[in-house]
Amino acid sequence: MKNYLRFSYVGSFASLGVGICCILPISLMLLGVGGSWVAVFGKIAATGYYVLTVSTVLLGLAWVLAYHRGIIGRLSWRIAGSTGLTATAWVLVLYEAQINDFLITLM
């Protein structure tokens, strides 16, 4: 079970990284750090939905296995933390345009 828990955390942090990379270029430009290297984030952002989907599936698998093995009580806080990270990543990706519009108004 610990392997699935590790996979869920790896997937959650990967999805959070993809979620952050959608907002990071505008944030860096807001701080005065810009240039052509910022275009690298575009390639990462293109895979965002795939990474989020895989991490959500891994997370769901961790919940199901913990429930079926009867150890959900011991692992619920850990899996809930991973669920929170993945949910945050989904919010960042789904509201990317609104967040970027807000950051642009700050410029």
N, C-alpha and C. Protein backbone atom coordinates (compact mmCIF):
# COMPACT_ATOMS: atom_id res chain seq x y z
N MET A 1 0.82 -1.20 0.00
CA MET A 1 0.00 0.00 0.00
C MET A 1 0.86 1.25 0.00
N LYS A 2 2.01 1.16 0.63
CA LYS A 2 2.86 2.34 0.69
C LYS A 2 3.32 2.77 -0.69
N ASN A 3 3.47 1.80 -1.61
CA ASN A 3 3.85 2.18 -2.97
C ASN A 3 2.77 3.01 -3.63
N TYR A 4 1.51 2.61 -3.44
CA TYR A 4 0.42 3.39 -4.03
C TYR A 4 0.32 4.75 -3.38
N LEU A 5 0.61 4.82 -2.09
CA LEU A 5 0.61 6.11 -1.40
C LEU A 5 1.71 7.01 -1.95
N ARG A 6 2.87 6.42 -2.19
CA ARG A 6 3.96 7.20 -2.79
C ARG A 6 3.60 7.66 -4.20
N PHE A 7 2.98 6.76 -4.98
CA PHE A 7 2.57 7.14 -6.33
C PHE A 7 1.54 8.26 -6.29
N SER A 8 0.66 8.22 -5.31
CA SER A 8 -0.35 9.28 -5.25
C SER A 8 0.30 10.61 -4.91
N TYR A 9 1.31 10.60 -4.02
CA TYR A 9 2.00 11.86 -3.71
C TYR A 9 2.84 12.34 -4.89
N VAL A 10 3.51 11.43 -5.57
CA VAL A 10 4.29 11.83 -6.74
C VAL A 10 3.37 12.42 -7.80
N GLY A 11 2.24 11.77 -8.02
CA GLY A 11 1.28 12.28 -8.98
C GLY A 11 0.72 13.62 -8.55
N SER A 12 0.47 13.78 -7.27
CA SER A 12 -0.08 15.04 -6.77
C SER A 12 0.90 16.19 -6.93
N PHE A 13 2.16 15.94 -6.59
CA PHE A 13 3.16 17.00 -6.74
C PHE A 13 3.42 17.30 -8.22
N ALA A 14 3.37 16.27 -9.07
CA ALA A 14 3.52 16.51 -10.51
C ALA A 14 2.37 17.35 -11.04
N SER A 15 1.16 17.02 -10.61
CA SER A 15 0.01 17.80 -11.09
C SER A 15 0.03 19.21 -10.53
N LEU A 16 0.51 19.37 -9.30
CA LEU A 16 0.64 20.71 -8.74
C LEU A 16 1.69 21.51 -9.51
N GLY A 17 2.76 20.85 -9.90
CA GLY A 17 3.78 21.52 -10.71
C GLY A 17 3.24 21.96 -12.06
N VAL A 18 2.42 21.11 -12.67
CA VAL A 18 1.81 21.48 -13.94
C VAL A 18 0.84 22.63 -13.74
N GLY A 19 0.11 22.60 -12.63
CA GLY A 19 -0.82 23.70 -12.35
C GLY A 19 -0.10 25.02 -12.12
N ILE A 20 1.02 24.96 -11.44
CA ILE A 20 1.79 26.18 -11.17
C ILE A 20 2.45 26.70 -12.44
N CYS A 21 2.86 25.81 -13.32
CA CYS A 21 3.56 26.28 -14.52
C CYS A 21 2.65 27.06 -15.45
N CYS A 22 1.35 26.93 -15.27
CA CYS A 22 0.43 27.72 -16.10
C CYS A 22 0.37 29.17 -15.64
N ILE A 23 0.65 29.41 -14.39
CA ILE A 23 0.55 30.75 -13.82
C ILE A 23 1.94 31.38 -13.63
N LEU A 24 2.94 30.55 -13.54
CA LEU A 24 4.29 31.02 -13.24
C LEU A 24 4.85 32.03 -14.24
N PRO A 25 4.66 31.86 -15.56
CA PRO A 25 5.23 32.86 -16.48
C PRO A 25 4.71 34.28 -16.24
N ILE A 26 3.41 34.42 -16.01
CA ILE A 26 2.85 35.76 -15.76
C ILE A 26 3.37 36.29 -14.43
N SER A 27 3.48 35.41 -13.44
CA SER A 27 4.00 35.84 -12.14
C SER A 27 5.44 36.31 -12.25
N LEU A 28 6.25 35.61 -13.03
CA LEU A 28 7.64 36.02 -13.20
C LEU A 28 7.74 37.34 -13.96
N MET A 29 6.89 37.53 -14.96
CA MET A 29 6.90 38.80 -15.67
C MET A 29 6.46 39.94 -14.76
N LEU A 30 5.54 39.64 -13.86
CA LEU A 30 5.10 40.64 -12.90
C LEU A 30 6.25 41.06 -11.99
N LEU A 31 7.15 40.12 -11.70
CA LEU A 31 8.31 40.41 -10.87
C LEU A 31 9.48 41.01 -11.66
N GLY A 32 9.31 41.10 -12.99
CA GLY A 32 10.36 41.69 -13.81
C GLY A 32 11.33 40.68 -14.38
N VAL A 33 11.06 39.41 -14.20
CA VAL A 33 11.93 38.37 -14.74
C VAL A 33 11.22 37.79 -15.95
N GLY A 34 11.76 38.00 -17.10
CA GLY A 34 11.11 37.51 -18.32
C GLY A 34 12.14 37.18 -19.36
N GLY A 35 11.69 36.85 -20.52
CA GLY A 35 12.59 36.53 -21.62
C GLY A 35 12.04 35.37 -22.40
N SER A 36 12.82 34.95 -23.38
CA SER A 36 12.36 33.88 -24.24
C SER A 36 12.34 32.53 -23.54
N TRP A 37 13.08 32.39 -22.46
CA TRP A 37 13.12 31.12 -21.73
C TRP A 37 11.78 30.78 -21.10
N VAL A 38 10.91 31.77 -20.93
CA VAL A 38 9.59 31.55 -20.33
C VAL A 38 8.74 30.65 -21.24
N ALA A 39 9.06 30.60 -22.54
CA ALA A 39 8.30 29.77 -23.48
C ALA A 39 8.42 28.28 -23.16
N VAL A 40 9.42 27.89 -22.36
CA VAL A 40 9.58 26.50 -21.97
C VAL A 40 8.34 26.00 -21.23
N PHE A 41 7.70 26.88 -20.48
CA PHE A 41 6.52 26.48 -19.72
C PHE A 41 5.35 26.08 -20.61
N GLY A 42 5.34 26.55 -21.84
CA GLY A 42 4.27 26.20 -22.77
C GLY A 42 4.25 24.71 -23.08
N LYS A 43 5.42 24.11 -23.25
CA LYS A 43 5.49 22.68 -23.51
C LYS A 43 5.03 21.87 -22.31
N ILE A 44 5.36 22.35 -21.12
CA ILE A 44 4.93 21.65 -19.91
C ILE A 44 3.43 21.79 -19.73
N ALA A 45 2.91 22.97 -19.99
CA ALA A 45 1.48 23.22 -19.82
C ALA A 45 0.65 22.41 -20.80
N ALA A 46 1.22 22.06 -21.96
CA ALA A 46 0.48 21.27 -22.94
C ALA A 46 0.16 19.88 -22.42
N THR A 47 0.96 19.37 -21.53
CA THR A 47 0.71 18.03 -20.98
C THR A 47 -0.09 18.08 -19.68
N GLY A 48 -0.55 19.25 -19.31
CA GLY A 48 -1.21 19.44 -18.01
C GLY A 48 -2.38 18.52 -17.76
N TYR A 49 -3.29 18.43 -18.72
CA TYR A 49 -4.48 17.61 -18.50
C TYR A 49 -4.14 16.12 -18.41
N TYR A 50 -3.13 15.68 -19.15
CA TYR A 50 -2.72 14.28 -19.09
C TYR A 50 -2.12 13.95 -17.72
N VAL A 51 -1.24 14.82 -17.24
CA VAL A 51 -0.63 14.60 -15.93
C VAL A 51 -1.68 14.64 -14.83
N LEU A 52 -2.60 15.58 -14.91
CA LEU A 52 -3.66 15.67 -13.92
C LEU A 52 -4.56 14.43 -13.94
N THR A 53 -4.87 13.94 -15.11
CA THR A 53 -5.71 12.75 -15.21
C THR A 53 -5.02 11.53 -14.63
N VAL A 54 -3.75 11.34 -14.96
CA VAL A 54 -3.01 10.20 -14.42
C VAL A 54 -2.89 10.30 -12.90
N SER A 55 -2.61 11.48 -12.39
CA SER A 55 -2.48 11.62 -10.94
C SER A 55 -3.82 11.42 -10.24
N THR A 56 -4.91 11.82 -10.86
CA THR A 56 -6.22 11.60 -10.27
C THR A 56 -6.57 10.11 -10.25
N VAL A 57 -6.20 9.40 -11.31
CA VAL A 57 -6.43 7.95 -11.34
C VAL A 57 -5.60 7.26 -10.27
N LEU A 58 -4.34 7.63 -10.14
CA LEU A 58 -3.49 7.04 -9.09
C LEU A 58 -4.03 7.33 -7.70
N LEU A 59 -4.53 8.53 -7.51
CA LEU A 59 -5.10 8.89 -6.23
C LEU A 59 -6.37 8.09 -5.94
N GLY A 60 -7.22 7.94 -6.93
CA GLY A 60 -8.41 7.12 -6.76
C GLY A 60 -8.07 5.68 -6.45
N LEU A 61 -7.03 5.16 -7.11
CA LEU A 61 -6.58 3.80 -6.85
C LEU A 61 -6.07 3.66 -5.42
N ALA A 62 -5.37 4.66 -4.92
CA ALA A 62 -4.89 4.62 -3.54
C ALA A 62 -6.06 4.59 -2.56
N TRP A 63 -7.10 5.41 -2.81
CA TRP A 63 -8.29 5.40 -1.94
C TRP A 63 -8.98 4.03 -1.97
N VAL A 64 -9.16 3.48 -3.17
CA VAL A 64 -9.86 2.20 -3.30
C VAL A 64 -9.08 1.08 -2.62
N LEU A 65 -7.77 1.03 -2.84
CA LEU A 65 -6.96 -0.02 -2.21
C LEU A 65 -6.93 0.12 -0.70
N ALA A 66 -6.86 1.34 -0.20
CA ALA A 66 -6.88 1.53 1.25
C ALA A 66 -8.21 1.09 1.83
N TYR A 67 -9.29 1.33 1.12
CA TYR A 67 -10.61 0.92 1.60
C TYR A 67 -10.76 -0.60 1.59
N HIS A 68 -10.34 -1.23 0.49
CA HIS A 68 -10.49 -2.68 0.38
C HIS A 68 -9.58 -3.44 1.33
N ARG A 69 -8.43 -2.90 1.64
CA ARG A 69 -7.51 -3.56 2.56
C ARG A 69 -7.81 -3.24 4.02
N GLY A 70 -8.75 -2.37 4.25
CA GLY A 70 -9.16 -2.04 5.61
C GLY A 70 -8.19 -1.17 6.38
N ILE A 71 -7.34 -0.46 5.68
CA ILE A 71 -6.36 0.40 6.37
C ILE A 71 -6.61 1.87 6.07
N ILE A 72 -7.83 2.17 5.74
CA ILE A 72 -8.15 3.55 5.40
C ILE A 72 -8.04 4.47 6.61
N GLY A 73 -8.27 3.94 7.81
CA GLY A 73 -8.16 4.75 9.02
C GLY A 73 -6.75 5.24 9.26
N ARG A 74 -5.76 4.40 8.98
CA ARG A 74 -4.37 4.80 9.19
C ARG A 74 -3.85 5.72 8.10
N LEU A 75 -4.35 5.55 6.89
CA LEU A 75 -3.81 6.30 5.77
C LEU A 75 -4.69 7.46 5.31
N SER A 76 -5.82 7.66 5.96
CA SER A 76 -6.75 8.66 5.45
C SER A 76 -6.16 10.06 5.43
N TRP A 77 -5.37 10.42 6.43
CA TRP A 77 -4.79 11.78 6.45
C TRP A 77 -3.75 11.95 5.37
N ARG A 78 -2.99 10.90 5.12
CA ARG A 78 -1.97 11.00 4.07
C ARG A 78 -2.61 11.09 2.70
N ILE A 79 -3.60 10.25 2.47
CA ILE A 79 -4.26 10.28 1.18
C ILE A 79 -5.08 11.57 1.03
N ALA A 80 -5.63 12.06 2.13
CA ALA A 80 -6.37 13.33 2.07
C ALA A 80 -5.43 14.49 1.71
N GLY A 81 -4.19 14.45 2.20
CA GLY A 81 -3.21 15.47 1.82
C GLY A 81 -2.91 15.43 0.33
N SER A 82 -2.77 14.23 -0.19
CA SER A 82 -2.54 14.07 -1.61
C SER A 82 -3.75 14.53 -2.42
N THR A 83 -4.95 14.26 -1.89
CA THR A 83 -6.17 14.71 -2.55
C THR A 83 -6.23 16.24 -2.58
N GLY A 84 -5.82 16.87 -1.51
CA GLY A 84 -5.80 18.33 -1.46
C GLY A 84 -4.85 18.93 -2.48
N LEU A 85 -3.67 18.32 -2.63
CA LEU A 85 -2.72 18.81 -3.62
C LEU A 85 -3.26 18.67 -5.04
N THR A 86 -3.88 17.52 -5.31
CA THR A 86 -4.42 17.30 -6.64
C THR A 86 -5.59 18.24 -6.92
N ALA A 87 -6.43 18.45 -5.93
CA ALA A 87 -7.55 19.38 -6.10
C ALA A 87 -7.06 20.80 -6.35
N THR A 88 -6.00 21.20 -5.65
CA THR A 88 -5.42 22.53 -5.88
C THR A 88 -4.88 22.64 -7.30
N ALA A 89 -4.25 21.58 -7.78
CA ALA A 89 -3.74 21.60 -9.15
C ALA A 89 -4.87 21.71 -10.16
N TRP A 90 -5.97 20.99 -9.94
CA TRP A 90 -7.12 21.09 -10.85
C TRP A 90 -7.68 22.51 -10.84
N VAL A 91 -7.77 23.12 -9.69
CA VAL A 91 -8.29 24.50 -9.61
C VAL A 91 -7.37 25.45 -10.37
N LEU A 92 -6.06 25.30 -10.19
CA LEU A 92 -5.12 26.17 -10.89
C LEU A 92 -5.22 26.01 -12.41
N VAL A 93 -5.36 24.80 -12.87
CA VAL A 93 -5.42 24.57 -14.32
C VAL A 93 -6.77 25.03 -14.88
N LEU A 94 -7.85 24.74 -14.18
CA LEU A 94 -9.17 25.10 -14.71
C LEU A 94 -9.43 26.60 -14.67
N TYR A 95 -8.84 27.30 -13.71
CA TYR A 95 -9.04 28.74 -13.60
C TYR A 95 -7.79 29.52 -14.03
N GLU A 96 -7.00 28.91 -14.89
CA GLU A 96 -5.76 29.55 -15.33
C GLU A 96 -6.01 30.89 -16.00
N ALA A 97 -6.98 30.97 -16.86
CA ALA A 97 -7.24 32.21 -17.60
C ALA A 97 -7.66 33.33 -16.65
N GLN A 98 -8.52 33.02 -15.70
CA GLN A 98 -8.97 34.05 -14.76
C GLN A 98 -7.83 34.50 -13.86
N ILE A 99 -7.00 33.57 -13.42
CA ILE A 99 -5.86 33.93 -12.56
C ILE A 99 -4.87 34.79 -13.35
N ASN A 100 -4.60 34.39 -14.58
CA ASN A 100 -3.67 35.18 -15.41
C ASN A 100 -4.23 36.56 -15.71
N ASP A 101 -5.55 36.66 -15.96
CA ASP A 101 -6.15 37.98 -16.19
C ASP A 101 -5.99 38.86 -14.96
N PHE A 102 -6.17 38.28 -13.79
CA PHE A 102 -5.99 39.05 -12.56
C PHE A 102 -4.55 39.50 -12.40
N LEU A 103 -3.60 38.61 -12.69
CA LEU A 103 -2.20 38.99 -12.57
C LEU A 103 -1.82 40.06 -13.59
N ILE A 104 -2.42 40.01 -14.77
CA ILE A 104 -2.14 41.03 -15.78
C ILE A 104 -2.65 42.40 -15.32
N THR A 105 -3.77 42.42 -14.61
CA THR A 105 -4.28 43.72 -14.11
C THR A 105 -3.35 44.31 -13.07
N LEU A 106 -2.53 43.50 -12.45
CA LEU A 106 -1.57 44.01 -11.46
C LEU A 106 -0.34 44.64 -12.09
N MET A 107 -0.13 44.41 -13.38
CA MET A 107 1.06 44.94 -14.05
C MET A 107 0.95 46.43 -14.26
